[in-house]
Structure formats: structure tokens, C-alpha cells
Amino acid sequence: MMDFPADPPPPEQRQQAIQASFAACGLDPAGLTYEYDEDSYIFYITIMPASGVSAEHFPCIHEAAGFDFVRFDPPDLAGPYNAYVREAMRPELLAQAEEQLKARRLWAGFPAREAYGSFAAYLEALEAHAGVAPGTWLKAEGEGRIIFTPPIDALTIDTLKSFEKTQETMIMVVFYATARDRTEFGFFGNDKIHE
């Protein structure tokens, strides 16, 4: 017999629990809004200055929000909060990425940033390690931002499956490299991902 997960609580009940968690953080409810997205089943929690928010609240906010989305209005604290979250999640993310790289047999010999004279040379080493031609999937923006540029112009219906497998591998390689080396990444053709 197969066990199915319990239905999530209704949005109103979830919102009450989220509000109680944020109140326990010491934030004034007058400076918080909650918007439920029925498509993704998550709340968008907006934190405004009237809440009394400061960087000292970040650990509690992160725990209280869970999988829901936190935004700041005005966005002054968004960058510092996202940096806090990245650093807090870094050990877990690195462990997950390591496991995935080992499963793909890409853990041994993973390129170390310090072994390369330039960031561009490092990215070419990452591509070669993943089994793709250097310069085809990754571009350097300055000395610390990886731009993901999949060669979609060469994509055909016949190459779709291998392209998807390669893309999955390249995302995992970039994911690990950015988490380990504390670099940033973006996507060519889309808005870049910022802190």
C-alpha cells in the first residue's frame, strides 16, 4: 500500500501560523503583508520598515519563512538578507551537490579555482571536467560571475535528450562551483541572477 502525504493546511491556517512565527521574531505585524499564490502554494511575505526589521532578525525570518518567499519593501535589506540565506544554506547545498557530482562520477578531480590564472580559464576547466568543449556553455563576466550560455542554436530534435542531460550536468557543476567558491551566476538571454 502506498502512503500519500497529508493535504497541506488551508492557506488561511498557514497564514496564521506564519504570522505567529513572524510575531515571535519580534516583528510588528503592521509592517508585514502576506500574499498567497494559488499556483505555487506559497506565500509572498513583504517586510516593510514599520515591522522594525533589522539584520539581527535575519536568522528568525529565514526560519519562520520556511519555503515561502520573503521580499523587502523598500528592497534595501534584500541583498543582505539573501546573502545571509545563501551562507546559512551553503553547507547543506554543498553536501547535496557533492552527492550529485559523485553520482555522476564528477567529484574526483573537480577543478579548484586557485589552480587557474584567470576566471575564464577556470570556467573552461569546469566545462572540460563536465565533458563539454571549453567555451561552449560558460562565459566569464569579470573575475567572479559565471554566465550560463547553453549552445541552444545547435539544438535539434535529434539532440534534445543529450542536450538535456548535458544541461543538467552543467547546472550541477556550476551550482557546486558557485556555492564552493562564493561566486555568482546568471543566464545569457535572461535577467541576471543577483544577490
C-alpha atoms as a PDB file:
ATOM      1  CA  MET A   1       0.000   0.000   0.000  1.00  0.00           C
ATOM      2  CA  MET A   2       1.278   3.459  -0.892  1.00  0.00           C
ATOM      3  CA  ASP A   3       1.301   6.300   1.638  1.00  0.00           C
ATOM      4  CA  PHE A   4       0.340   9.701   0.335  1.00  0.00           C
ATOM      5  CA  PRO A   5       1.355  12.946   2.009  1.00  0.00           C
ATOM      6  CA  ALA A   6      -1.336  14.670   4.001  1.00  0.00           C
ATOM      7  CA  ASP A   7      -3.081  17.565   2.343  1.00  0.00           C
ATOM      8  CA  PRO A   8      -1.456  20.860   3.276  1.00  0.00           C
ATOM      9  CA  PRO A   9      -3.417  23.032   5.682  1.00  0.00           C
ATOM     10  CA  PRO A  10      -5.662  25.636   4.058  1.00  0.00           C
ATOM     11  CA  PRO A  11      -3.961  28.956   3.208  1.00  0.00           C
ATOM     12  CA  GLU A  12      -5.760  30.814   5.994  1.00  0.00           C
ATOM     13  CA  GLN A  13      -4.449  28.371   8.588  1.00  0.00           C
ATOM     14  CA  ARG A  14      -0.933  28.531   7.127  1.00  0.00           C
ATOM     15  CA  GLN A  15      -1.021  32.326   7.138  1.00  0.00           C
ATOM     16  CA  GLN A  16      -1.963  32.361  10.828  1.00  0.00           C
ATOM     17  CA  ALA A  17       0.979  30.073  11.618  1.00  0.00           C
ATOM     18  CA  ILE A  18       3.362  32.224   9.538  1.00  0.00           C
ATOM     19  CA  GLN A  19       2.079  35.402  11.222  1.00  0.00           C
ATOM     20  CA  ALA A  20       2.635  33.854  14.656  1.00  0.00           C
ATOM     21  CA  SER A  21       6.197  32.858  13.666  1.00  0.00           C
ATOM     22  CA  PHE A  22       7.000  36.375  12.463  1.00  0.00           C
ATOM     23  CA  ALA A  23       5.496  37.875  15.619  1.00  0.00           C
ATOM     24  CA  ALA A  24       7.746  35.549  17.640  1.00  0.00           C
ATOM     25  CA  CYS A  25      10.682  37.081  15.752  1.00  0.00           C
ATOM     26  CA  GLY A  26       9.761  40.418  17.295  1.00  0.00           C
ATOM     27  CA  LEU A  27       8.448  41.990  14.092  1.00  0.00           C
ATOM     28  CA  ASP A  28       5.479  44.345  14.254  1.00  0.00           C
ATOM     29  CA  PRO A  29       2.579  42.858  12.236  1.00  0.00           C
ATOM     30  CA  ALA A  30       1.705  46.335  10.930  1.00  0.00           C
ATOM     31  CA  GLY A  31       4.819  46.180   8.756  1.00  0.00           C
ATOM     32  CA  LEU A  32       4.105  42.786   7.171  1.00  0.00           C
ATOM     33  CA  THR A  33       1.864  41.705   4.312  1.00  0.00           C
ATOM     34  CA  TYR A  34       1.054  38.188   3.129  1.00  0.00           C
ATOM     35  CA  GLU A  35       0.019  37.288  -0.399  1.00  0.00           C
ATOM     36  CA  TYR A  36      -0.851  33.670  -1.263  1.00  0.00           C
ATOM     37  CA  ASP A  37      -0.105  32.324  -4.743  1.00  0.00           C
ATOM     38  CA  GLU A  38      -2.550  29.554  -5.589  1.00  0.00           C
ATOM     39  CA  ASP A  39      -0.419  28.249  -8.468  1.00  0.00           C
ATOM     40  CA  SER A  40       2.725  27.645  -6.416  1.00  0.00           C
ATOM     41  CA  TYR A  41       1.068  27.169  -2.987  1.00  0.00           C
ATOM     42  CA  ILE A  42       3.462  29.629  -1.374  1.00  0.00           C
ATOM     43  CA  PHE A  43       3.120  32.928   0.411  1.00  0.00           C
ATOM     44  CA  TYR A  44       4.924  36.089  -0.626  1.00  0.00           C
ATOM     45  CA  ILE A  45       5.762  37.822   2.626  1.00  0.00           C
ATOM     46  CA  THR A  46       6.595  41.509   2.293  1.00  0.00           C
ATOM     47  CA  ILE A  47       8.539  43.066   5.151  1.00  0.00           C
ATOM     48  CA  MET A  48       8.395  46.836   5.456  1.00  0.00           C
ATOM     49  CA  PRO A  49      10.203  49.269   7.789  1.00  0.00           C
ATOM     50  CA  ALA A  50       7.117  49.558  10.031  1.00  0.00           C
ATOM     51  CA  SER A  51       7.845  45.978  11.147  1.00  0.00           C
ATOM     52  CA  GLY A  52      11.008  47.183  12.904  1.00  0.00           C
ATOM     53  CA  VAL A  53      13.125  44.780  10.843  1.00  0.00           C
ATOM     54  CA  SER A  54      16.918  44.795  11.064  1.00  0.00           C
ATOM     55  CA  ALA A  55      19.710  42.402  10.097  1.00  0.00           C
ATOM     56  CA  GLU A  56      19.513  40.890  13.586  1.00  0.00           C
ATOM     57  CA  HIS A  57      16.121  39.436  12.588  1.00  0.00           C
ATOM     58  CA  PHE A  58      17.503  37.528   9.572  1.00  0.00           C
ATOM     59  CA  PRO A  59      18.001  34.123  11.279  1.00  0.00           C
ATOM     60  CA  CYS A  60      14.481  34.170  12.701  1.00  0.00           C
ATOM     61  CA  ILE A  61      12.946  35.437   9.433  1.00  0.00           C
ATOM     62  CA  HIS A  62      14.683  32.682   7.487  1.00  0.00           C
ATOM     63  CA  GLU A  63      13.405  30.011   9.866  1.00  0.00           C
ATOM     64  CA  ALA A  64       9.890  31.482  10.061  1.00  0.00           C
ATOM     65  CA  ALA A  65       9.524  31.804   6.278  1.00  0.00           C
ATOM     66  CA  GLY A  66      10.375  28.188   5.541  1.00  0.00           C
ATOM     67  CA  PHE A  67       9.708  27.639   1.834  1.00  0.00           C
ATOM     68  CA  ASP A  68       7.720  30.829   1.457  1.00  0.00           C
ATOM     69  CA  PHE A  69       9.179  33.835  -0.339  1.00  0.00           C
ATOM     70  CA  VAL A  70      10.461  36.863   1.591  1.00  0.00           C
ATOM     71  CA  ARG A  71      10.761  40.278  -0.009  1.00  0.00           C
ATOM     72  CA  PHE A  72      11.561  43.696   1.428  1.00  0.00           C
ATOM     73  CA  ASP A  73       9.866  46.995   0.598  1.00  0.00           C
ATOM     74  CA  PRO A  74      11.885  49.078   0.077  1.00  0.00           C
ATOM     75  CA  PRO A  75      14.441  46.490  -1.080  1.00  0.00           C
ATOM     76  CA  ASP A  76      17.402  47.862   0.934  1.00  0.00           C
ATOM     77  CA  LEU A  77      17.661  44.717   3.077  1.00  0.00           C
ATOM     78  CA  ALA A  78      17.034  42.226   0.234  1.00  0.00           C
ATOM     79  CA  GLY A  79      20.709  41.909  -0.748  1.00  0.00           C
ATOM     80  CA  PRO A  80      21.988  41.455   2.818  1.00  0.00           C
ATOM     81  CA  TYR A  81      19.144  39.027   3.625  1.00  0.00           C
ATOM     82  CA  ASN A  82      19.775  36.923   0.516  1.00  0.00           C
ATOM     83  CA  ALA A  83      23.499  36.865   1.324  1.00  0.00           C
ATOM     84  CA  TYR A  84      22.640  35.648   4.834  1.00  0.00           C
ATOM     85  CA  VAL A  85      20.364  32.904   3.449  1.00  0.00           C
ATOM     86  CA  ARG A  86      22.986  31.752   0.914  1.00  0.00           C
ATOM     87  CA  GLU A  87      25.618  31.489   3.625  1.00  0.00           C
ATOM     88  CA  ALA A  88      23.253  29.744   6.055  1.00  0.00           C
ATOM     89  CA  MET A  89      22.280  27.172   3.432  1.00  0.00           C
ATOM     90  CA  ARG A  90      25.762  26.765   1.990  1.00  0.00           C
ATOM     91  CA  PRO A  91      26.852  23.655   3.986  1.00  0.00           C
ATOM     92  CA  GLU A  92      23.677  21.774   3.085  1.00  0.00           C
ATOM     93  CA  LEU A  93      23.836  22.836  -0.561  1.00  0.00           C
ATOM     94  CA  LEU A  94      27.483  21.816  -0.836  1.00  0.00           C
ATOM     95  CA  ALA A  95      26.709  18.392   0.638  1.00  0.00           C
ATOM     96  CA  GLN A  96      23.827  17.875  -1.816  1.00  0.00           C
ATOM     97  CA  ALA A  97      25.942  18.998  -4.763  1.00  0.00           C
ATOM     98  CA  GLU A  98      28.815  16.737  -3.695  1.00  0.00           C
ATOM     99  CA  GLU A  99      26.438  13.777  -3.602  1.00  0.00           C
ATOM    100  CA  GLN A 100      25.133  14.599  -7.092  1.00  0.00           C
ATOM    101  CA  LEU A 101      28.630  15.055  -8.506  1.00  0.00           C
ATOM    102  CA  LYS A 102      29.714  11.718  -7.048  1.00  0.00           C
ATOM    103  CA  ALA A 103      26.662  10.037  -8.599  1.00  0.00           C
ATOM    104  CA  ARG A 104      27.692  11.493 -11.980  1.00  0.00           C
ATOM    105  CA  ARG A 105      31.323  10.488 -11.402  1.00  0.00           C
ATOM    106  CA  LEU A 106      32.399  14.142 -11.490  1.00  0.00           C
ATOM    107  CA  TRP A 107      33.624  14.517  -7.920  1.00  0.00           C
ATOM    108  CA  ALA A 108      37.171  13.249  -8.352  1.00  0.00           C
ATOM    109  CA  GLY A 109      39.407  15.886  -9.882  1.00  0.00           C
ATOM    110  CA  PHE A 110      36.847  18.696  -9.679  1.00  0.00           C
ATOM    111  CA  PRO A 111      38.772  21.839 -10.733  1.00  0.00           C
ATOM    112  CA  ALA A 112      39.965  24.159  -7.977  1.00  0.00           C
ATOM    113  CA  ARG A 113      39.655  27.882  -8.743  1.00  0.00           C
ATOM    114  CA  GLU A 114      43.098  28.675  -7.341  1.00  0.00           C
ATOM    115  CA  ALA A 115      44.762  26.359  -9.883  1.00  0.00           C
ATOM    116  CA  TYR A 116      43.902  28.692 -12.780  1.00  0.00           C
ATOM    117  CA  GLY A 117      45.402  32.063 -13.612  1.00  0.00           C
ATOM    118  CA  SER A 118      42.164  33.587 -14.831  1.00  0.00           C
ATOM    119  CA  PHE A 119      38.495  33.109 -14.154  1.00  0.00           C
ATOM    120  CA  ALA A 120      37.900  32.352 -17.857  1.00  0.00           C
ATOM    121  CA  ALA A 121      40.493  29.539 -17.737  1.00  0.00           C
ATOM    122  CA  TYR A 122      38.795  28.135 -14.651  1.00  0.00           C
ATOM    123  CA  LEU A 123      35.421  28.075 -16.444  1.00  0.00           C
ATOM    124  CA  GLU A 124      36.981  26.245 -19.381  1.00  0.00           C
ATOM    125  CA  ALA A 125      38.339  23.682 -16.920  1.00  0.00           C
ATOM    126  CA  LEU A 126      34.845  23.247 -15.446  1.00  0.00           C
ATOM    127  CA  GLU A 127      33.458  22.630 -18.932  1.00  0.00           C
ATOM    128  CA  ALA A 128      36.187  20.133 -19.789  1.00  0.00           C
ATOM    129  CA  HIS A 129      35.611  18.353 -16.467  1.00  0.00           C
ATOM    130  CA  ALA A 130      31.902  18.029 -17.360  1.00  0.00           C
ATOM    131  CA  GLY A 131      32.788  16.607 -20.764  1.00  0.00           C
ATOM    132  CA  VAL A 132      31.890  19.550 -22.990  1.00  0.00           C
ATOM    133  CA  ALA A 133      34.080  21.625 -25.271  1.00  0.00           C
ATOM    134  CA  PRO A 134      35.634  24.578 -23.395  1.00  0.00           C
ATOM    135  CA  GLY A 135      33.969  27.887 -24.214  1.00  0.00           C
ATOM    136  CA  THR A 136      30.638  26.376 -25.263  1.00  0.00           C
ATOM    137  CA  TRP A 137      28.494  26.554 -22.102  1.00  0.00           C
ATOM    138  CA  LEU A 138      30.082  29.066 -19.716  1.00  0.00           C
ATOM    139  CA  LYS A 139      31.344  32.617 -20.079  1.00  0.00           C
ATOM    140  CA  ALA A 140      33.144  34.770 -17.536  1.00  0.00           C
ATOM    141  CA  GLU A 141      31.786  38.141 -16.586  1.00  0.00           C
ATOM    142  CA  GLY A 142      34.672  39.820 -14.850  1.00  0.00           C
ATOM    143  CA  GLU A 143      36.523  37.722 -12.295  1.00  0.00           C
ATOM    144  CA  GLY A 144      33.675  36.256 -10.328  1.00  0.00           C
ATOM    145  CA  ARG A 145      30.437  35.819 -12.253  1.00  0.00           C
ATOM    146  CA  ILE A 146      29.606  32.768 -14.332  1.00  0.00           C
ATOM    147  CA  ILE A 147      27.210  33.333 -17.219  1.00  0.00           C
ATOM    148  CA  PHE A 148      25.449  30.128 -18.268  1.00  0.00           C
ATOM    149  CA  THR A 149      25.218  30.131 -22.086  1.00  0.00           C
ATOM    150  CA  PRO A 150      23.928  26.787 -23.354  1.00  0.00           C
ATOM    151  CA  PRO A 151      24.515  26.352 -27.098  1.00  0.00           C
ATOM    152  CA  ILE A 152      20.820  26.327 -27.957  1.00  0.00           C
ATOM    153  CA  ASP A 153      21.482  27.353 -31.569  1.00  0.00           C
ATOM    154  CA  ALA A 154      22.838  23.846 -32.208  1.00  0.00           C
ATOM    155  CA  LEU A 155      19.839  22.143 -30.603  1.00  0.00           C
ATOM    156  CA  THR A 156      17.749  19.848 -32.803  1.00  0.00           C
ATOM    157  CA  ILE A 157      15.014  17.345 -32.088  1.00  0.00           C
ATOM    158  CA  ASP A 158      17.608  14.578 -32.516  1.00  0.00           C
ATOM    159  CA  THR A 159      19.952  16.080 -29.928  1.00  0.00           C
ATOM    160  CA  LEU A 160      17.321  17.108 -27.372  1.00  0.00           C
ATOM    161  CA  LYS A 161      17.847  14.194 -24.955  1.00  0.00           C
ATOM    162  CA  SER A 162      21.634  14.504 -24.902  1.00  0.00           C
ATOM    163  CA  PHE A 163      21.331  18.295 -24.623  1.00  0.00           C
ATOM    164  CA  GLU A 164      19.066  17.973 -21.577  1.00  0.00           C
ATOM    165  CA  LYS A 165      21.451  15.521 -19.921  1.00  0.00           C
ATOM    166  CA  THR A 166      24.427  17.801 -20.606  1.00  0.00           C
ATOM    167  CA  GLN A 167      22.494  20.821 -19.364  1.00  0.00           C
ATOM    168  CA  GLU A 168      21.633  19.009 -16.129  1.00  0.00           C
ATOM    169  CA  THR A 169      25.299  18.125 -15.632  1.00  0.00           C
ATOM    170  CA  MET A 170      26.463  21.668 -16.371  1.00  0.00           C
ATOM    171  CA  ILE A 171      23.933  23.138 -13.944  1.00  0.00           C
ATOM    172  CA  MET A 172      25.188  20.790 -11.221  1.00  0.00           C
ATOM    173  CA  VAL A 173      28.827  21.714 -11.944  1.00  0.00           C
ATOM    174  CA  VAL A 174      28.029  25.439 -11.874  1.00  0.00           C
ATOM    175  CA  PHE A 175      25.873  25.014  -8.774  1.00  0.00           C
ATOM    176  CA  TYR A 176      28.714  23.373  -6.863  1.00  0.00           C
ATOM    177  CA  ALA A 177      31.383  25.791  -8.136  1.00  0.00           C
ATOM    178  CA  THR A 178      29.356  28.882  -7.225  1.00  0.00           C
ATOM    179  CA  ALA A 179      28.478  27.553  -3.761  1.00  0.00           C
ATOM    180  CA  ARG A 180      32.030  26.428  -3.008  1.00  0.00           C
ATOM    181  CA  ASP A 181      33.801  29.472  -4.429  1.00  0.00           C
ATOM    182  CA  ARG A 182      31.133  32.007  -3.421  1.00  0.00           C
ATOM    183  CA  THR A 183      30.816  33.268  -6.979  1.00  0.00           C
ATOM    184  CA  GLU A 184      27.693  34.468  -8.739  1.00  0.00           C
ATOM    185  CA  PHE A 185      25.977  33.222 -11.861  1.00  0.00           C
ATOM    186  CA  GLY A 186      23.479  34.431 -14.409  1.00  0.00           C
ATOM    187  CA  PHE A 187      21.844  33.214 -17.584  1.00  0.00           C
ATOM    188  CA  PHE A 188      22.569  34.595 -21.033  1.00  0.00           C
ATOM    189  CA  GLY A 189      19.419  35.991 -22.545  1.00  0.00           C
ATOM    190  CA  ASN A 190      17.605  36.382 -19.217  1.00  0.00           C
ATOM    191  CA  ASP A 191      17.931  38.887 -16.457  1.00  0.00           C
ATOM    192  CA  LYS A 192      20.997  38.025 -14.459  1.00  0.00           C
ATOM    193  CA  ILE A 193      20.581  36.467 -11.060  1.00  0.00           C
ATOM    194  CA  HIS A 194      21.693  38.930  -8.437  1.00  0.00           C
ATOM    195  CA  GLU A 195      22.159  38.684  -4.729  1.00  0.00           C
END
